[in-house]
Amino acid sequence: MEKLLIASLQNNDTTFFLHCLPDLKYKYGFTISVESTLELYNMVNRKNLIDKVNILLKDAQSQYFKNNTQAYSLYNIMNKAFDLDQKYRDYYALFRFNEWNNDLINKSLDSMLYQVDLINFLIIEQYCTLHNGFINNFDFGNGSYERVQLIFAHVLRHKNSDYTKMFELLNNYAVKAYRENKISSDIFRLLDALIFKEYGFQYFGFVENAQVNKNLIVNIKGPYYK
């Protein structure tokens, strides 16, 4: 569908393009952004359609949330978790890297940041367990999947953090969402890359030239799983 939309703009068929967008957003969570659809995003900008596109996508998402209160509730939770993450990181940077800092302040800030990251992860874990599914852009609005990845990355960056629950969550729920084409493989690549950097091995096989730890059985195997 993305290729079809690009072709329609290449042929100056903006009527078809604008007609398709709301349905794609409503049914499949389709969005246009620098991160996910760069070529299409650039074409929309060149043709000065960005304002119309944003209105159509926002209206379609509002209609979806109106008919799916569970998705709307989770979307709000993810926004709040992300806002909390960013707010405390700003606060952390303010005191951690200036002339006021000392060992006690640094330890307190590190502890505070870990608690925020842990709370955000527990929110995600609670949802996945209750609803037997993984958070994704298709069901819960643009940016949800990217925010989950950010939260996971922040938890893993705490030295000696327990990543076992995160691994189980991905293995049980994210793999299912991946096979349903609701998420990309980005989150598996992220976990493998961060664990490899910290501990020298990976689980899912998405990092080249990295040893695979086979102590835990995985439900998905990347191109470098050997």
C-alpha atoms as a PDB file:
ATOM      1  CA  MET A   1       0.000   0.000   0.000  1.00  0.00           C
ATOM      2  CA  GLU A   2       2.887   2.350   0.733  1.00  0.00           C
ATOM      3  CA  LYS A   3       4.273   1.769  -2.788  1.00  0.00           C
ATOM      4  CA  LEU A   4       0.817   2.388  -4.230  1.00  0.00           C
ATOM      5  CA  LEU A   5       0.549   5.680  -2.346  1.00  0.00           C
ATOM      6  CA  ILE A   6       3.978   6.728  -3.607  1.00  0.00           C
ATOM      7  CA  ALA A   7       2.948   5.856  -7.173  1.00  0.00           C
ATOM      8  CA  SER A   8      -0.253   7.874  -6.841  1.00  0.00           C
ATOM      9  CA  LEU A   9       1.709  10.965  -5.813  1.00  0.00           C
ATOM     10  CA  GLN A  10       4.237  10.417  -8.580  1.00  0.00           C
ATOM     11  CA  ASN A  11       1.302  10.517 -11.007  1.00  0.00           C
ATOM     12  CA  ASN A  12      -0.246  13.540  -9.265  1.00  0.00           C
ATOM     13  CA  ASP A  13      -3.302  11.562  -8.196  1.00  0.00           C
ATOM     14  CA  THR A  14      -3.734  13.291  -4.849  1.00  0.00           C
ATOM     15  CA  THR A  15      -7.456  12.440  -4.753  1.00  0.00           C
ATOM     16  CA  PHE A  16      -6.734   8.706  -4.568  1.00  0.00           C
ATOM     17  CA  PHE A  17      -3.916   9.289  -2.090  1.00  0.00           C
ATOM     18  CA  LEU A  18      -6.034  11.327   0.324  1.00  0.00           C
ATOM     19  CA  HIS A  19      -9.003   8.985  -0.069  1.00  0.00           C
ATOM     20  CA  CYS A  20      -6.968   5.924   0.994  1.00  0.00           C
ATOM     21  CA  LEU A  21      -5.244   7.396   4.048  1.00  0.00           C
ATOM     22  CA  PRO A  22      -8.102   7.438   6.607  1.00  0.00           C
ATOM     23  CA  ASP A  23      -9.019   3.807   5.935  1.00  0.00           C
ATOM     24  CA  LEU A  24      -5.393   2.693   6.173  1.00  0.00           C
ATOM     25  CA  LYS A  25      -4.975   4.567   9.442  1.00  0.00           C
ATOM     26  CA  TYR A  26      -8.187   3.254  10.943  1.00  0.00           C
ATOM     27  CA  LYS A  27      -7.722  -0.394   9.959  1.00  0.00           C
ATOM     28  CA  TYR A  28      -3.953  -0.824  10.066  1.00  0.00           C
ATOM     29  CA  GLY A  29      -2.467   2.030  12.080  1.00  0.00           C
ATOM     30  CA  PHE A  30      -0.690   3.340   8.979  1.00  0.00           C
ATOM     31  CA  THR A  31       1.215   6.559   9.472  1.00  0.00           C
ATOM     32  CA  ILE A  32       3.624   8.795   7.576  1.00  0.00           C
ATOM     33  CA  SER A  33       6.811   9.773   9.368  1.00  0.00           C
ATOM     34  CA  VAL A  34      10.531  10.280   8.940  1.00  0.00           C
ATOM     35  CA  GLU A  35      11.210   7.115  10.949  1.00  0.00           C
ATOM     36  CA  SER A  36       8.918   4.669   9.156  1.00  0.00           C
ATOM     37  CA  THR A  37       8.047   6.000   5.685  1.00  0.00           C
ATOM     38  CA  LEU A  38      10.764   8.483   4.723  1.00  0.00           C
ATOM     39  CA  GLU A  39      10.243   8.434   0.945  1.00  0.00           C
ATOM     40  CA  LEU A  40       6.513   8.972   1.266  1.00  0.00           C
ATOM     41  CA  TYR A  41       7.042  11.622   3.946  1.00  0.00           C
ATOM     42  CA  ASN A  42       9.341  13.588   1.643  1.00  0.00           C
ATOM     43  CA  MET A  43       6.883  13.382  -1.262  1.00  0.00           C
ATOM     44  CA  VAL A  44       4.025  14.620   0.911  1.00  0.00           C
ATOM     45  CA  ASN A  45       6.132  17.590   1.970  1.00  0.00           C
ATOM     46  CA  ARG A  46       7.190  18.414  -1.583  1.00  0.00           C
ATOM     47  CA  LYS A  47       3.551  18.487  -2.674  1.00  0.00           C
ATOM     48  CA  ASN A  48       2.521  20.626   0.336  1.00  0.00           C
ATOM     49  CA  LEU A  49       0.078  18.016   1.594  1.00  0.00           C
ATOM     50  CA  ILE A  50       1.416  17.617   5.121  1.00  0.00           C
ATOM     51  CA  ASP A  51      -1.354  19.678   6.783  1.00  0.00           C
ATOM     52  CA  LYS A  52      -4.140  17.768   5.009  1.00  0.00           C
ATOM     53  CA  VAL A  53      -2.449  14.447   5.780  1.00  0.00           C
ATOM     54  CA  ASN A  54      -2.057  15.259   9.474  1.00  0.00           C
ATOM     55  CA  ILE A  55      -5.737  16.215   9.770  1.00  0.00           C
ATOM     56  CA  LEU A  56      -6.896  13.033   8.014  1.00  0.00           C
ATOM     57  CA  LEU A  57      -4.661  10.780  10.118  1.00  0.00           C
ATOM     58  CA  LYS A  58      -5.642  12.501  13.355  1.00  0.00           C
ATOM     59  CA  ASP A  59      -9.365  12.221  12.554  1.00  0.00           C
ATOM     60  CA  ALA A  60      -9.024   8.550  11.629  1.00  0.00           C
ATOM     61  CA  GLN A  61      -7.127   7.793  14.837  1.00  0.00           C
ATOM     62  CA  SER A  62      -9.721   9.689  16.898  1.00  0.00           C
ATOM     63  CA  GLN A  63     -12.477   7.626  15.288  1.00  0.00           C
ATOM     64  CA  TYR A  64     -10.574   4.416  16.013  1.00  0.00           C
ATOM     65  CA  PHE A  65     -10.091   5.374  19.657  1.00  0.00           C
ATOM     66  CA  LYS A  66     -13.772   6.301  19.907  1.00  0.00           C
ATOM     67  CA  ASN A  67     -14.653   2.737  18.907  1.00  0.00           C
ATOM     68  CA  ASN A  68     -11.874   1.109  20.909  1.00  0.00           C
ATOM     69  CA  THR A  69     -11.631   2.509  24.430  1.00  0.00           C
ATOM     70  CA  GLN A  70      -9.027  -0.081  25.441  1.00  0.00           C
ATOM     71  CA  ALA A  71      -6.647   1.173  22.743  1.00  0.00           C
ATOM     72  CA  TYR A  72      -7.279   4.767  23.761  1.00  0.00           C
ATOM     73  CA  SER A  73      -6.579   3.993  27.407  1.00  0.00           C
ATOM     74  CA  LEU A  74      -3.295   2.309  26.553  1.00  0.00           C
ATOM     75  CA  TYR A  75      -2.300   5.109  24.196  1.00  0.00           C
ATOM     76  CA  ASN A  76      -2.715   7.573  27.060  1.00  0.00           C
ATOM     77  CA  ILE A  77      -0.723   5.354  29.394  1.00  0.00           C
ATOM     78  CA  MET A  78       2.128   5.094  26.877  1.00  0.00           C
ATOM     79  CA  ASN A  79       2.143   8.860  26.414  1.00  0.00           C
ATOM     80  CA  LYS A  80       2.325   9.407  30.166  1.00  0.00           C
ATOM     81  CA  ALA A  81       5.077   6.809  30.549  1.00  0.00           C
ATOM     82  CA  PHE A  82       7.065   8.477  27.781  1.00  0.00           C
ATOM     83  CA  ASP A  83       6.525  11.944  29.275  1.00  0.00           C
ATOM     84  CA  LEU A  84       7.662  10.657  32.675  1.00  0.00           C
ATOM     85  CA  ASP A  85      10.743   9.131  31.073  1.00  0.00           C
ATOM     86  CA  GLN A  86      11.704  12.369  29.339  1.00  0.00           C
ATOM     87  CA  LYS A  87      10.916  14.615  32.319  1.00  0.00           C
ATOM     88  CA  TYR A  88      13.132  12.665  34.710  1.00  0.00           C
ATOM     89  CA  ARG A  89      15.935  12.423  32.170  1.00  0.00           C
ATOM     90  CA  ASP A  90      15.893  16.199  31.792  1.00  0.00           C
ATOM     91  CA  TYR A  91      15.981  16.525  35.573  1.00  0.00           C
ATOM     92  CA  TYR A  92      18.771  13.951  35.736  1.00  0.00           C
ATOM     93  CA  ALA A  93      20.885  15.809  33.158  1.00  0.00           C
ATOM     94  CA  LEU A  94      20.356  19.117  34.948  1.00  0.00           C
ATOM     95  CA  PHE A  95      22.001  17.933  38.167  1.00  0.00           C
ATOM     96  CA  ARG A  96      24.161  15.028  37.018  1.00  0.00           C
ATOM     97  CA  PHE A  97      26.418  17.006  34.721  1.00  0.00           C
ATOM     98  CA  ASN A  98      27.131  20.331  36.389  1.00  0.00           C
ATOM     99  CA  GLU A  99      29.148  21.809  39.232  1.00  0.00           C
ATOM    100  CA  TRP A 100      26.539  20.915  41.875  1.00  0.00           C
ATOM    101  CA  ASN A 101      26.866  17.178  41.584  1.00  0.00           C
ATOM    102  CA  ASN A 102      28.561  14.939  44.148  1.00  0.00           C
ATOM    103  CA  ASP A 103      28.596  11.205  44.891  1.00  0.00           C
ATOM    104  CA  LEU A 104      25.453  11.274  47.037  1.00  0.00           C
ATOM    105  CA  ILE A 105      23.459  13.293  44.487  1.00  0.00           C
ATOM    106  CA  ASN A 106      24.695  11.067  41.654  1.00  0.00           C
ATOM    107  CA  LYS A 107      23.734   7.868  43.440  1.00  0.00           C
ATOM    108  CA  SER A 108      20.306   9.295  44.281  1.00  0.00           C
ATOM    109  CA  LEU A 109      19.748  10.414  40.686  1.00  0.00           C
ATOM    110  CA  ASP A 110      20.799   7.014  39.342  1.00  0.00           C
ATOM    111  CA  SER A 111      18.429   5.290  41.762  1.00  0.00           C
ATOM    112  CA  MET A 112      15.577   7.645  40.836  1.00  0.00           C
ATOM    113  CA  LEU A 113      16.082   7.047  37.115  1.00  0.00           C
ATOM    114  CA  TYR A 114      16.174   3.280  37.601  1.00  0.00           C
ATOM    115  CA  GLN A 115      12.874   3.371  39.490  1.00  0.00           C
ATOM    116  CA  VAL A 116      11.224   5.411  36.720  1.00  0.00           C
ATOM    117  CA  ASP A 117      12.464   2.968  34.055  1.00  0.00           C
ATOM    118  CA  LEU A 118      11.358  -0.001  36.138  1.00  0.00           C
ATOM    119  CA  ILE A 119       7.862   1.437  36.687  1.00  0.00           C
ATOM    120  CA  ASN A 120       7.469   2.037  32.948  1.00  0.00           C
ATOM    121  CA  PHE A 121       8.544  -1.514  32.192  1.00  0.00           C
ATOM    122  CA  LEU A 122       6.095  -2.922  34.763  1.00  0.00           C
ATOM    123  CA  ILE A 123       3.277  -0.973  33.072  1.00  0.00           C
ATOM    124  CA  ILE A 124       4.135  -2.623  29.758  1.00  0.00           C
ATOM    125  CA  GLU A 125       4.487  -6.039  31.388  1.00  0.00           C
ATOM    126  CA  GLN A 126       1.095  -5.669  33.089  1.00  0.00           C
ATOM    127  CA  TYR A 127      -0.622  -4.831  29.812  1.00  0.00           C
ATOM    128  CA  CYS A 128       0.978  -7.683  27.872  1.00  0.00           C
ATOM    129  CA  THR A 129       0.071 -10.199  30.553  1.00  0.00           C
ATOM    130  CA  LEU A 130      -3.536  -9.044  30.943  1.00  0.00           C
ATOM    131  CA  HIS A 131      -4.305  -8.783  27.221  1.00  0.00           C
ATOM    132  CA  ASN A 132      -2.039 -11.487  25.813  1.00  0.00           C
ATOM    133  CA  GLY A 133      -0.557  -9.095  23.272  1.00  0.00           C
ATOM    134  CA  PHE A 134       2.316  -6.723  22.644  1.00  0.00           C
ATOM    135  CA  ILE A 135       2.009  -2.935  22.325  1.00  0.00           C
ATOM    136  CA  ASN A 136       2.201  -1.829  18.703  1.00  0.00           C
ATOM    137  CA  ASN A 137       1.330   1.076  16.421  1.00  0.00           C
ATOM    138  CA  PHE A 138      -1.432  -0.820  14.615  1.00  0.00           C
ATOM    139  CA  ASP A 139      -3.654  -1.320  17.646  1.00  0.00           C
ATOM    140  CA  PHE A 140      -2.627   1.547  19.886  1.00  0.00           C
ATOM    141  CA  GLY A 141      -1.651   4.587  17.852  1.00  0.00           C
ATOM    142  CA  ASN A 142       1.395   6.058  16.212  1.00  0.00           C
ATOM    143  CA  GLY A 143       4.559   6.014  18.333  1.00  0.00           C
ATOM    144  CA  SER A 144       3.478   3.313  20.805  1.00  0.00           C
ATOM    145  CA  TYR A 145       5.941   0.687  19.522  1.00  0.00           C
ATOM    146  CA  GLU A 146       8.816   3.170  19.349  1.00  0.00           C
ATOM    147  CA  ARG A 147       8.157   4.251  22.932  1.00  0.00           C
ATOM    148  CA  VAL A 148       8.175   0.662  24.146  1.00  0.00           C
ATOM    149  CA  GLN A 149      11.584   0.197  22.512  1.00  0.00           C
ATOM    150  CA  LEU A 150      12.887   3.346  24.214  1.00  0.00           C
ATOM    151  CA  ILE A 151      11.712   2.169  27.630  1.00  0.00           C
ATOM    152  CA  PHE A 152      13.283  -1.266  27.119  1.00  0.00           C
ATOM    153  CA  ALA A 153      16.565   0.324  26.044  1.00  0.00           C
ATOM    154  CA  HIS A 154      16.635   2.521  29.151  1.00  0.00           C
ATOM    155  CA  VAL A 155      16.060  -0.447  31.463  1.00  0.00           C
ATOM    156  CA  LEU A 156      18.852  -2.432  29.813  1.00  0.00           C
ATOM    157  CA  ARG A 157      21.307   0.447  30.081  1.00  0.00           C
ATOM    158  CA  HIS A 158      21.272   0.169  33.870  1.00  0.00           C
ATOM    159  CA  LYS A 159      24.293  -1.962  34.693  1.00  0.00           C
ATOM    160  CA  ASN A 160      23.508  -5.405  36.088  1.00  0.00           C
ATOM    161  CA  SER A 161      19.763  -4.884  35.580  1.00  0.00           C
ATOM    162  CA  ASP A 162      17.665  -8.024  35.468  1.00  0.00           C
ATOM    163  CA  TYR A 163      16.665  -8.500  31.832  1.00  0.00           C
ATOM    164  CA  THR A 164      15.103 -11.959  32.308  1.00  0.00           C
ATOM    165  CA  LYS A 165      11.527 -10.651  32.524  1.00  0.00           C
ATOM    166  CA  MET A 166      12.100  -8.465  29.494  1.00  0.00           C
ATOM    167  CA  PHE A 167      13.401 -11.443  27.536  1.00  0.00           C
ATOM    168  CA  GLU A 168      10.363 -13.528  28.536  1.00  0.00           C
ATOM    169  CA  LEU A 169       8.004 -10.701  27.564  1.00  0.00           C
ATOM    170  CA  LEU A 170       9.559 -10.422  24.114  1.00  0.00           C
ATOM    171  CA  ASN A 171       9.682 -14.184  23.658  1.00  0.00           C
ATOM    172  CA  ASN A 172       6.046 -14.663  24.652  1.00  0.00           C
ATOM    173  CA  TYR A 173       4.273 -11.595  23.253  1.00  0.00           C
ATOM    174  CA  ALA A 174       6.506  -9.632  20.885  1.00  0.00           C
ATOM    175  CA  VAL A 175       7.201 -12.689  18.733  1.00  0.00           C
ATOM    176  CA  LYS A 176       3.456 -13.190  18.314  1.00  0.00           C
ATOM    177  CA  ALA A 177       3.007  -9.550  17.251  1.00  0.00           C
ATOM    178  CA  TYR A 178       5.943  -9.870  14.844  1.00  0.00           C
ATOM    179  CA  ARG A 179       4.416 -12.936  13.180  1.00  0.00           C
ATOM    180  CA  GLU A 180       1.153 -11.018  12.826  1.00  0.00           C
ATOM    181  CA  ASN A 181       3.121  -8.231  11.050  1.00  0.00           C
ATOM    182  CA  LYS A 182       2.192  -5.724  13.757  1.00  0.00           C
ATOM    183  CA  ILE A 183       5.776  -4.919  14.767  1.00  0.00           C
ATOM    184  CA  SER A 184       9.140  -4.980  13.018  1.00  0.00           C
ATOM    185  CA  SER A 185      12.205  -6.895  14.201  1.00  0.00           C
ATOM    186  CA  ASP A 186      13.678  -3.671  15.640  1.00  0.00           C
ATOM    187  CA  ILE A 187      13.030  -4.594  19.253  1.00  0.00           C
ATOM    188  CA  PHE A 188      14.823  -7.948  18.931  1.00  0.00           C
ATOM    189  CA  ARG A 189      17.782  -6.216  17.282  1.00  0.00           C
ATOM    190  CA  LEU A 190      17.802  -3.654  20.084  1.00  0.00           C
ATOM    191  CA  LEU A 191      17.846  -6.222  22.889  1.00  0.00           C
ATOM    192  CA  ASP A 192      20.538  -8.294  21.167  1.00  0.00           C
ATOM    193  CA  ALA A 193      22.710  -5.234  20.519  1.00  0.00           C
ATOM    194  CA  LEU A 194      22.460  -3.900  24.081  1.00  0.00           C
ATOM    195  CA  ILE A 195      23.033  -7.267  25.759  1.00  0.00           C
ATOM    196  CA  PHE A 196      25.957  -7.979  23.443  1.00  0.00           C
ATOM    197  CA  LYS A 197      27.499  -4.607  24.311  1.00  0.00           C
ATOM    198  CA  GLU A 198      27.075  -5.212  28.052  1.00  0.00           C
ATOM    199  CA  TYR A 199      27.658  -8.969  28.378  1.00  0.00           C
ATOM    200  CA  GLY A 200      29.239 -10.125  25.121  1.00  0.00           C
ATOM    201  CA  PHE A 201      26.451 -12.380  23.803  1.00  0.00           C
ATOM    202  CA  GLN A 202      23.013 -12.184  22.185  1.00  0.00           C
ATOM    203  CA  TYR A 203      19.793 -14.207  22.276  1.00  0.00           C
ATOM    204  CA  PHE A 204      17.787 -13.819  19.081  1.00  0.00           C
ATOM    205  CA  GLY A 205      20.561 -13.730  16.492  1.00  0.00           C
ATOM    206  CA  PHE A 206      20.063 -10.266  15.000  1.00  0.00           C
ATOM    207  CA  VAL A 207      23.636  -9.016  15.581  1.00  0.00           C
ATOM    208  CA  GLU A 208      26.373 -10.086  13.192  1.00  0.00           C
ATOM    209  CA  ASN A 209      29.515 -11.732  14.633  1.00  0.00           C
ATOM    210  CA  ALA A 210      28.020 -12.048  18.113  1.00  0.00           C
ATOM    211  CA  GLN A 211      27.905 -15.252  20.136  1.00  0.00           C
ATOM    212  CA  VAL A 212      24.413 -16.638  20.752  1.00  0.00           C
ATOM    213  CA  ASN A 213      23.500 -17.649  24.301  1.00  0.00           C
ATOM    214  CA  LYS A 214      21.416 -20.798  23.920  1.00  0.00           C
ATOM    215  CA  ASN A 215      20.612 -21.310  27.590  1.00  0.00           C
ATOM    216  CA  LEU A 216      17.138 -19.918  26.930  1.00  0.00           C
ATOM    217  CA  ILE A 217      14.935 -21.227  24.112  1.00  0.00           C
ATOM    218  CA  VAL A 218      13.874 -18.469  21.700  1.00  0.00           C
ATOM    219  CA  ASN A 219      10.691 -18.382  19.626  1.00  0.00           C
ATOM    220  CA  ILE A 220      12.289 -16.351  16.871  1.00  0.00           C
ATOM    221  CA  LYS A 221      15.737 -16.676  15.307  1.00  0.00           C
ATOM    222  CA  GLY A 222      17.461 -13.878  13.462  1.00  0.00           C
ATOM    223  CA  PRO A 223      19.755 -14.219  10.435  1.00  0.00           C
ATOM    224  CA  TYR A 224      22.850 -14.621  12.631  1.00  0.00           C
ATOM    225  CA  TYR A 225      21.531 -17.284  14.985  1.00  0.00           C
ATOM    226  CA  LYS A 226      24.049 -20.151  14.832  1.00  0.00           C
END
